[in-house]
């Protein structure tokens, strides 16, 4: 009589002693190490190196495109600012030329009122005053303002002295005693200086 288990031992196929009993699809530490070694020493390492090099190239390209975007944005902002400044300069230049052409009309109205004397209070004189004021209001909306001269210190930046008054003409030395032609400013720029008479020093 054979001992128990002898049939199983006799029926076992030779050459399979100590074989891995796990199914082929199940990972084992030895198999994982083999794959890792293959990735580090075989074609896998080359693929990883190529991917890393490609990543470095893409990162460099991304930085380059980002820098280009920042530069283009700054250039566009500068262009837009320059365009606004140029348009404003053109607008002011056009307004300056137009207003400069209108100033002789203002001078004519001022001369007419000065020559009218007592007649300036007549309906005709009042009509001239009204027209003059309306014209001045329109020009003021575009930045025109008269230069106040009489009774003020002489300002060489806004006035032109064409005569000198005698001492004691009712104004301190260096003050304007009479205005021959009114001057105007356009915004902060002297469009036309005032022609004035200045009190002389005693």
C-alpha atoms as a PDB file:
ATOM      1  CA  UNK A   1       0.000   0.000   0.000  1.00  0.00           C
ATOM      2  CA  UNK A   2       1.399   3.382  -1.078  1.00  0.00           C
ATOM      3  CA  UNK A   3       1.665   6.143   1.489  1.00  0.00           C
ATOM      4  CA  UNK A   4      -0.798   9.060   1.319  1.00  0.00           C
ATOM      5  CA  UNK A   5       0.129  11.693  -1.237  1.00  0.00           C
ATOM      6  CA  UNK A   6       2.190   9.297  -3.285  1.00  0.00           C
ATOM      7  CA  UNK A   7      -0.258   9.471  -6.173  1.00  0.00           C
ATOM      8  CA  UNK A   8      -0.094  13.257  -6.227  1.00  0.00           C
ATOM      9  CA  UNK A   9       3.689  13.148  -6.124  1.00  0.00           C
ATOM     10  CA  UNK A  10       3.800  10.511  -8.796  1.00  0.00           C
ATOM     11  CA  UNK A  11       1.358  12.449 -10.962  1.00  0.00           C
ATOM     12  CA  UNK A  12       3.287  15.698 -10.766  1.00  0.00           C
ATOM     13  CA  UNK A  13       4.993  16.623 -13.989  1.00  0.00           C
ATOM     14  CA  UNK A  14       8.746  16.892 -13.841  1.00  0.00           C
ATOM     15  CA  UNK A  15      10.389  20.278 -14.312  1.00  0.00           C
ATOM     16  CA  UNK A  16       7.640  22.375 -12.621  1.00  0.00           C
ATOM     17  CA  UNK A  17       8.941  22.059  -9.123  1.00  0.00           C
ATOM     18  CA  UNK A  18       9.247  25.543  -7.549  1.00  0.00           C
ATOM     19  CA  UNK A  19       7.399  27.294 -10.446  1.00  0.00           C
ATOM     20  CA  UNK A  20       5.564  30.554  -9.731  1.00  0.00           C
ATOM     21  CA  UNK A  21       2.005  29.484  -8.975  1.00  0.00           C
ATOM     22  CA  UNK A  22       0.539  32.982  -9.819  1.00  0.00           C
ATOM     23  CA  UNK A  23      -1.233  33.504 -13.144  1.00  0.00           C
ATOM     24  CA  UNK A  24       0.826  34.961 -15.982  1.00  0.00           C
ATOM     25  CA  UNK A  25      -1.017  38.296 -15.873  1.00  0.00           C
ATOM     26  CA  UNK A  26      -0.265  38.894 -12.187  1.00  0.00           C
ATOM     27  CA  UNK A  27       2.795  41.068 -11.455  1.00  0.00           C
ATOM     28  CA  UNK A  28       5.633  39.830  -9.346  1.00  0.00           C
ATOM     29  CA  UNK A  29       8.494  41.747  -7.686  1.00  0.00           C
ATOM     30  CA  UNK A  30      11.030  40.027  -9.890  1.00  0.00           C
ATOM     31  CA  UNK A  31       9.107  40.899 -13.032  1.00  0.00           C
ATOM     32  CA  UNK A  32       8.689  44.533 -11.898  1.00  0.00           C
ATOM     33  CA  UNK A  33      12.408  44.823 -11.240  1.00  0.00           C
ATOM     34  CA  UNK A  34      13.133  43.400 -14.655  1.00  0.00           C
ATOM     35  CA  UNK A  35      10.876  45.946 -16.317  1.00  0.00           C
ATOM     36  CA  UNK A  36      12.428  48.785 -14.312  1.00  0.00           C
ATOM     37  CA  UNK A  37      15.905  47.628 -15.277  1.00  0.00           C
ATOM     38  CA  UNK A  38      14.841  47.488 -18.906  1.00  0.00           C
ATOM     39  CA  UNK A  39      13.415  51.046 -18.720  1.00  0.00           C
ATOM     40  CA  UNK A  40      16.621  52.328 -17.160  1.00  0.00           C
ATOM     41  CA  UNK A  41      19.079  50.495 -19.373  1.00  0.00           C
ATOM     42  CA  UNK A  42      17.183  49.750 -22.568  1.00  0.00           C
ATOM     43  CA  UNK A  43      15.057  51.644 -25.110  1.00  0.00           C
ATOM     44  CA  UNK A  44      12.873  53.034 -22.313  1.00  0.00           C
ATOM     45  CA  UNK A  45      15.672  55.258 -21.070  1.00  0.00           C
ATOM     46  CA  UNK A  46      16.071  56.764 -24.536  1.00  0.00           C
ATOM     47  CA  UNK A  47      12.351  57.506 -24.737  1.00  0.00           C
ATOM     48  CA  UNK A  48      12.424  59.213 -21.338  1.00  0.00           C
ATOM     49  CA  UNK A  49      15.440  61.294 -22.363  1.00  0.00           C
ATOM     50  CA  UNK A  50      13.717  62.338 -25.582  1.00  0.00           C
ATOM     51  CA  UNK A  51      10.572  63.322 -23.696  1.00  0.00           C
ATOM     52  CA  UNK A  52      12.575  65.343 -21.191  1.00  0.00           C
ATOM     53  CA  UNK A  53      14.430  67.132 -23.994  1.00  0.00           C
ATOM     54  CA  UNK A  54      11.130  67.851 -25.720  1.00  0.00           C
ATOM     55  CA  UNK A  55       9.710  69.215 -22.469  1.00  0.00           C
ATOM     56  CA  UNK A  56      12.685  71.554 -22.096  1.00  0.00           C
ATOM     57  CA  UNK A  57      12.140  72.797 -25.659  1.00  0.00           C
ATOM     58  CA  UNK A  58       8.440  73.388 -25.047  1.00  0.00           C
ATOM     59  CA  UNK A  59       9.127  75.283 -21.828  1.00  0.00           C
ATOM     60  CA  UNK A  60      11.680  77.476 -23.609  1.00  0.00           C
ATOM     61  CA  UNK A  61       9.197  78.124 -26.420  1.00  0.00           C
ATOM     62  CA  UNK A  62       6.506  78.991 -23.898  1.00  0.00           C
ATOM     63  CA  UNK A  63       8.802  81.542 -22.236  1.00  0.00           C
ATOM     64  CA  UNK A  64       9.702  83.001 -25.622  1.00  0.00           C
ATOM     65  CA  UNK A  65       6.049  83.389 -26.626  1.00  0.00           C
ATOM     66  CA  UNK A  66       5.223  84.908 -23.249  1.00  0.00           C
ATOM     67  CA  UNK A  67       8.016  87.471 -23.643  1.00  0.00           C
ATOM     68  CA  UNK A  68       6.830  88.293 -27.159  1.00  0.00           C
ATOM     69  CA  UNK A  69       3.287  88.801 -25.886  1.00  0.00           C
ATOM     70  CA  UNK A  70       4.461  91.163 -23.143  1.00  0.00           C
ATOM     71  CA  UNK A  71       6.552  93.162 -25.629  1.00  0.00           C
ATOM     72  CA  UNK A  72       3.709  93.377 -28.143  1.00  0.00           C
ATOM     73  CA  UNK A  73       1.296  94.479 -25.433  1.00  0.00           C
ATOM     74  CA  UNK A  74       3.693  97.217 -24.295  1.00  0.00           C
ATOM     75  CA  UNK A  75       4.257  98.350 -27.888  1.00  0.00           C
ATOM     76  CA  UNK A  76       0.515  98.496 -28.508  1.00  0.00           C
ATOM     77  CA  UNK A  77      -0.037 100.560 -25.359  1.00  0.00           C
ATOM     78  CA  UNK A  78       2.715 102.961 -26.464  1.00  0.00           C
ATOM     79  CA  UNK A  79       1.205 103.171 -29.948  1.00  0.00           C
ATOM     80  CA  UNK A  80      -2.244 103.883 -28.551  1.00  0.00           C
ATOM     81  CA  UNK A  81      -0.845 106.584 -26.240  1.00  0.00           C
ATOM     82  CA  UNK A  82       1.135 108.194 -29.066  1.00  0.00           C
ATOM     83  CA  UNK A  83      -1.937 108.124 -31.296  1.00  0.00           C
ATOM     84  CA  UNK A  84      -4.039 109.872 -28.656  1.00  0.00           C
ATOM     85  CA  UNK A  85      -1.343 112.489 -28.141  1.00  0.00           C
ATOM     86  CA  UNK A  86      -0.978 113.089 -31.869  1.00  0.00           C
ATOM     87  CA  UNK A  87      -4.740 113.390 -32.339  1.00  0.00           C
ATOM     88  CA  UNK A  88      -4.968 115.831 -29.444  1.00  0.00           C
ATOM     89  CA  UNK A  89      -2.069 117.855 -30.865  1.00  0.00           C
ATOM     90  CA  UNK A  90      -3.765 117.977 -34.271  1.00  0.00           C
ATOM     91  CA  UNK A  91      -7.033 119.056 -32.687  1.00  0.00           C
ATOM     92  CA  UNK A  92      -5.339 121.831 -30.716  1.00  0.00           C
ATOM     93  CA  UNK A  93      -3.396 122.983 -33.761  1.00  0.00           C
ATOM     94  CA  UNK A  94      -6.557 123.168 -35.857  1.00  0.00           C
ATOM     95  CA  UNK A  95      -8.384 125.036 -33.084  1.00  0.00           C
ATOM     96  CA  UNK A  96      -5.435 127.400 -32.648  1.00  0.00           C
ATOM     97  CA  UNK A  97      -5.376 128.302 -36.329  1.00  0.00           C
ATOM     98  CA  UNK A  98      -9.117 128.854 -36.470  1.00  0.00           C
ATOM     99  CA  UNK A  99      -9.207 130.988 -33.325  1.00  0.00           C
ATOM    100  CA  UNK A 100      -6.198 133.013 -34.481  1.00  0.00           C
ATOM    101  CA  UNK A 101      -8.145 133.842 -37.652  1.00  0.00           C
ATOM    102  CA  UNK A 102     -11.179 134.895 -35.588  1.00  0.00           C
ATOM    103  CA  UNK A 103      -9.274 137.227 -33.242  1.00  0.00           C
ATOM    104  CA  UNK A 104      -9.159 140.111 -35.776  1.00  0.00           C
ATOM    105  CA  UNK A 105     -12.966 139.977 -35.796  1.00  0.00           C
ATOM    106  CA  UNK A 106     -12.902 140.398 -32.017  1.00  0.00           C
ATOM    107  CA  UNK A 107     -10.506 143.316 -32.452  1.00  0.00           C
ATOM    108  CA  UNK A 108     -12.912 144.916 -34.930  1.00  0.00           C
ATOM    109  CA  UNK A 109     -15.808 144.628 -32.499  1.00  0.00           C
ATOM    110  CA  UNK A 110     -13.690 146.090 -29.681  1.00  0.00           C
ATOM    111  CA  UNK A 111     -12.648 148.992 -31.918  1.00  0.00           C
ATOM    112  CA  UNK A 112     -16.243 149.620 -32.938  1.00  0.00           C
ATOM    113  CA  UNK A 113     -17.356 149.783 -29.304  1.00  0.00           C
ATOM    114  CA  UNK A 114     -14.447 152.058 -28.371  1.00  0.00           C
ATOM    115  CA  UNK A 115     -15.208 154.418 -31.261  1.00  0.00           C
ATOM    116  CA  UNK A 116     -18.916 154.474 -30.498  1.00  0.00           C
ATOM    117  CA  UNK A 117     -18.374 156.402 -27.282  1.00  0.00           C
ATOM    118  CA  UNK A 118     -21.737 157.359 -25.865  1.00  0.00           C
ATOM    119  CA  UNK A 119     -23.418 155.583 -28.757  1.00  0.00           C
ATOM    120  CA  UNK A 120     -22.256 152.294 -27.256  1.00  0.00           C
ATOM    121  CA  UNK A 121     -25.316 152.496 -25.001  1.00  0.00           C
ATOM    122  CA  UNK A 122     -27.618 152.699 -28.021  1.00  0.00           C
ATOM    123  CA  UNK A 123     -29.485 149.635 -29.320  1.00  0.00           C
ATOM    124  CA  UNK A 124     -26.854 149.265 -32.043  1.00  0.00           C
ATOM    125  CA  UNK A 125     -24.038 149.423 -29.509  1.00  0.00           C
ATOM    126  CA  UNK A 126     -25.802 146.918 -27.269  1.00  0.00           C
ATOM    127  CA  UNK A 127     -26.229 144.614 -30.253  1.00  0.00           C
ATOM    128  CA  UNK A 128     -22.496 144.782 -30.974  1.00  0.00           C
ATOM    129  CA  UNK A 129     -21.740 143.992 -27.331  1.00  0.00           C
ATOM    130  CA  UNK A 130     -24.082 141.019 -27.437  1.00  0.00           C
ATOM    131  CA  UNK A 131     -22.489 139.637 -30.606  1.00  0.00           C
ATOM    132  CA  UNK A 132     -19.020 140.126 -29.139  1.00  0.00           C
ATOM    133  CA  UNK A 133     -19.972 138.314 -25.935  1.00  0.00           C
ATOM    134  CA  UNK A 134     -21.569 135.425 -27.814  1.00  0.00           C
ATOM    135  CA  UNK A 135     -18.460 135.035 -29.948  1.00  0.00           C
ATOM    136  CA  UNK A 136     -16.244 135.164 -26.864  1.00  0.00           C
ATOM    137  CA  UNK A 137     -18.390 132.513 -25.149  1.00  0.00           C
ATOM    138  CA  UNK A 138     -18.032 130.184 -28.138  1.00  0.00           C
ATOM    139  CA  UNK A 139     -14.262 130.633 -28.191  1.00  0.00           C
ATOM    140  CA  UNK A 140     -14.078 130.168 -24.418  1.00  0.00           C
ATOM    141  CA  UNK A 141     -15.634 126.721 -24.779  1.00  0.00           C
ATOM    142  CA  UNK A 142     -12.611 125.825 -26.890  1.00  0.00           C
ATOM    143  CA  UNK A 143     -10.147 127.057 -24.269  1.00  0.00           C
ATOM    144  CA  UNK A 144      -9.696 130.731 -25.206  1.00  0.00           C
ATOM    145  CA  UNK A 145      -9.361 133.279 -22.397  1.00  0.00           C
ATOM    146  CA  UNK A 146      -8.407 136.978 -22.501  1.00  0.00           C
ATOM    147  CA  UNK A 147      -5.218 138.089 -20.771  1.00  0.00           C
ATOM    148  CA  UNK A 148      -5.934 140.585 -18.004  1.00  0.00           C
ATOM    149  CA  UNK A 149      -3.333 143.331 -18.337  1.00  0.00           C
ATOM    150  CA  UNK A 150      -4.406 146.793 -17.120  1.00  0.00           C
ATOM    151  CA  UNK A 151      -3.554 147.370 -13.466  1.00  0.00           C
ATOM    152  CA  UNK A 152      -1.355 144.281 -13.292  1.00  0.00           C
ATOM    153  CA  UNK A 153       2.434 143.880 -13.242  1.00  0.00           C
ATOM    154  CA  UNK A 154       4.004 143.663 -16.663  1.00  0.00           C
ATOM    155  CA  UNK A 155       4.480 140.020 -17.687  1.00  0.00           C
ATOM    156  CA  UNK A 156       6.969 139.628 -20.545  1.00  0.00           C
ATOM    157  CA  UNK A 157       5.671 136.115 -21.182  1.00  0.00           C
ATOM    158  CA  UNK A 158       2.157 137.329 -21.957  1.00  0.00           C
ATOM    159  CA  UNK A 159       2.587 141.016 -22.791  1.00  0.00           C
ATOM    160  CA  UNK A 160       4.532 143.188 -25.169  1.00  0.00           C
ATOM    161  CA  UNK A 161       5.402 146.716 -24.039  1.00  0.00           C
ATOM    162  CA  UNK A 162       5.006 149.172 -26.910  1.00  0.00           C
ATOM    163  CA  UNK A 163       4.997 152.375 -24.848  1.00  0.00           C
ATOM    164  CA  UNK A 164       6.203 153.652 -21.506  1.00  0.00           C
ATOM    165  CA  UNK A 165       4.080 155.878 -19.321  1.00  0.00           C
ATOM    166  CA  UNK A 166       5.269 158.799 -17.271  1.00  0.00           C
ATOM    167  CA  UNK A 167       5.859 158.221 -13.570  1.00  0.00           C
ATOM    168  CA  UNK A 168       2.806 158.844 -11.461  1.00  0.00           C
ATOM    169  CA  UNK A 169       0.191 157.867 -14.065  1.00  0.00           C
ATOM    170  CA  UNK A 170      -1.860 156.166 -11.416  1.00  0.00           C
ATOM    171  CA  UNK A 171       0.062 152.887 -11.341  1.00  0.00           C
ATOM    172  CA  UNK A 172       3.255 151.718  -9.627  1.00  0.00           C
ATOM    173  CA  UNK A 173       6.364 151.414 -11.787  1.00  0.00           C
ATOM    174  CA  UNK A 174       6.319 148.285 -13.921  1.00  0.00           C
ATOM    175  CA  UNK A 175       2.524 148.045 -13.944  1.00  0.00           C
ATOM    176  CA  UNK A 176       0.378 148.191 -17.075  1.00  0.00           C
ATOM    177  CA  UNK A 177      -1.491 151.479 -17.401  1.00  0.00           C
ATOM    178  CA  UNK A 178      -3.067 151.017 -20.825  1.00  0.00           C
ATOM    179  CA  UNK A 179      -3.865 148.220 -23.259  1.00  0.00           C
ATOM    180  CA  UNK A 180      -3.649 148.838 -27.008  1.00  0.00           C
ATOM    181  CA  UNK A 181      -4.575 145.351 -28.133  1.00  0.00           C
ATOM    182  CA  UNK A 182      -5.987 142.582 -26.018  1.00  0.00           C
ATOM    183  CA  UNK A 183      -4.037 139.357 -25.734  1.00  0.00           C
ATOM    184  CA  UNK A 184      -5.434 135.849 -25.414  1.00  0.00           C
ATOM    185  CA  UNK A 185      -4.445 132.470 -24.040  1.00  0.00           C
ATOM    186  CA  UNK A 186      -5.508 129.172 -25.545  1.00  0.00           C
ATOM    187  CA  UNK A 187      -5.534 126.741 -22.644  1.00  0.00           C
ATOM    188  CA  UNK A 188      -2.118 127.355 -21.032  1.00  0.00           C
ATOM    189  CA  UNK A 189      -0.462 128.737 -24.158  1.00  0.00           C
ATOM    190  CA  UNK A 190      -0.218 132.424 -25.019  1.00  0.00           C
ATOM    191  CA  UNK A 191      -1.930 132.617 -28.382  1.00  0.00           C
ATOM    192  CA  UNK A 192      -1.355 136.338 -28.774  1.00  0.00           C
ATOM    193  CA  UNK A 193       0.412 138.714 -26.357  1.00  0.00           C
ATOM    194  CA  UNK A 194      -1.204 141.911 -25.158  1.00  0.00           C
ATOM    195  CA  UNK A 195       0.186 145.186 -26.511  1.00  0.00           C
ATOM    196  CA  UNK A 196       0.460 147.467 -23.498  1.00  0.00           C
ATOM    197  CA  UNK A 197       1.800 150.678 -22.036  1.00  0.00           C
ATOM    198  CA  UNK A 198       3.853 150.255 -18.865  1.00  0.00           C
ATOM    199  CA  UNK A 199       4.394 152.794 -16.101  1.00  0.00           C
ATOM    200  CA  UNK A 200       8.009 153.925 -15.959  1.00  0.00           C
ATOM    201  CA  UNK A 201      10.132 153.925 -12.839  1.00  0.00           C
ATOM    202  CA  UNK A 202      10.319 157.213 -10.933  1.00  0.00           C
END
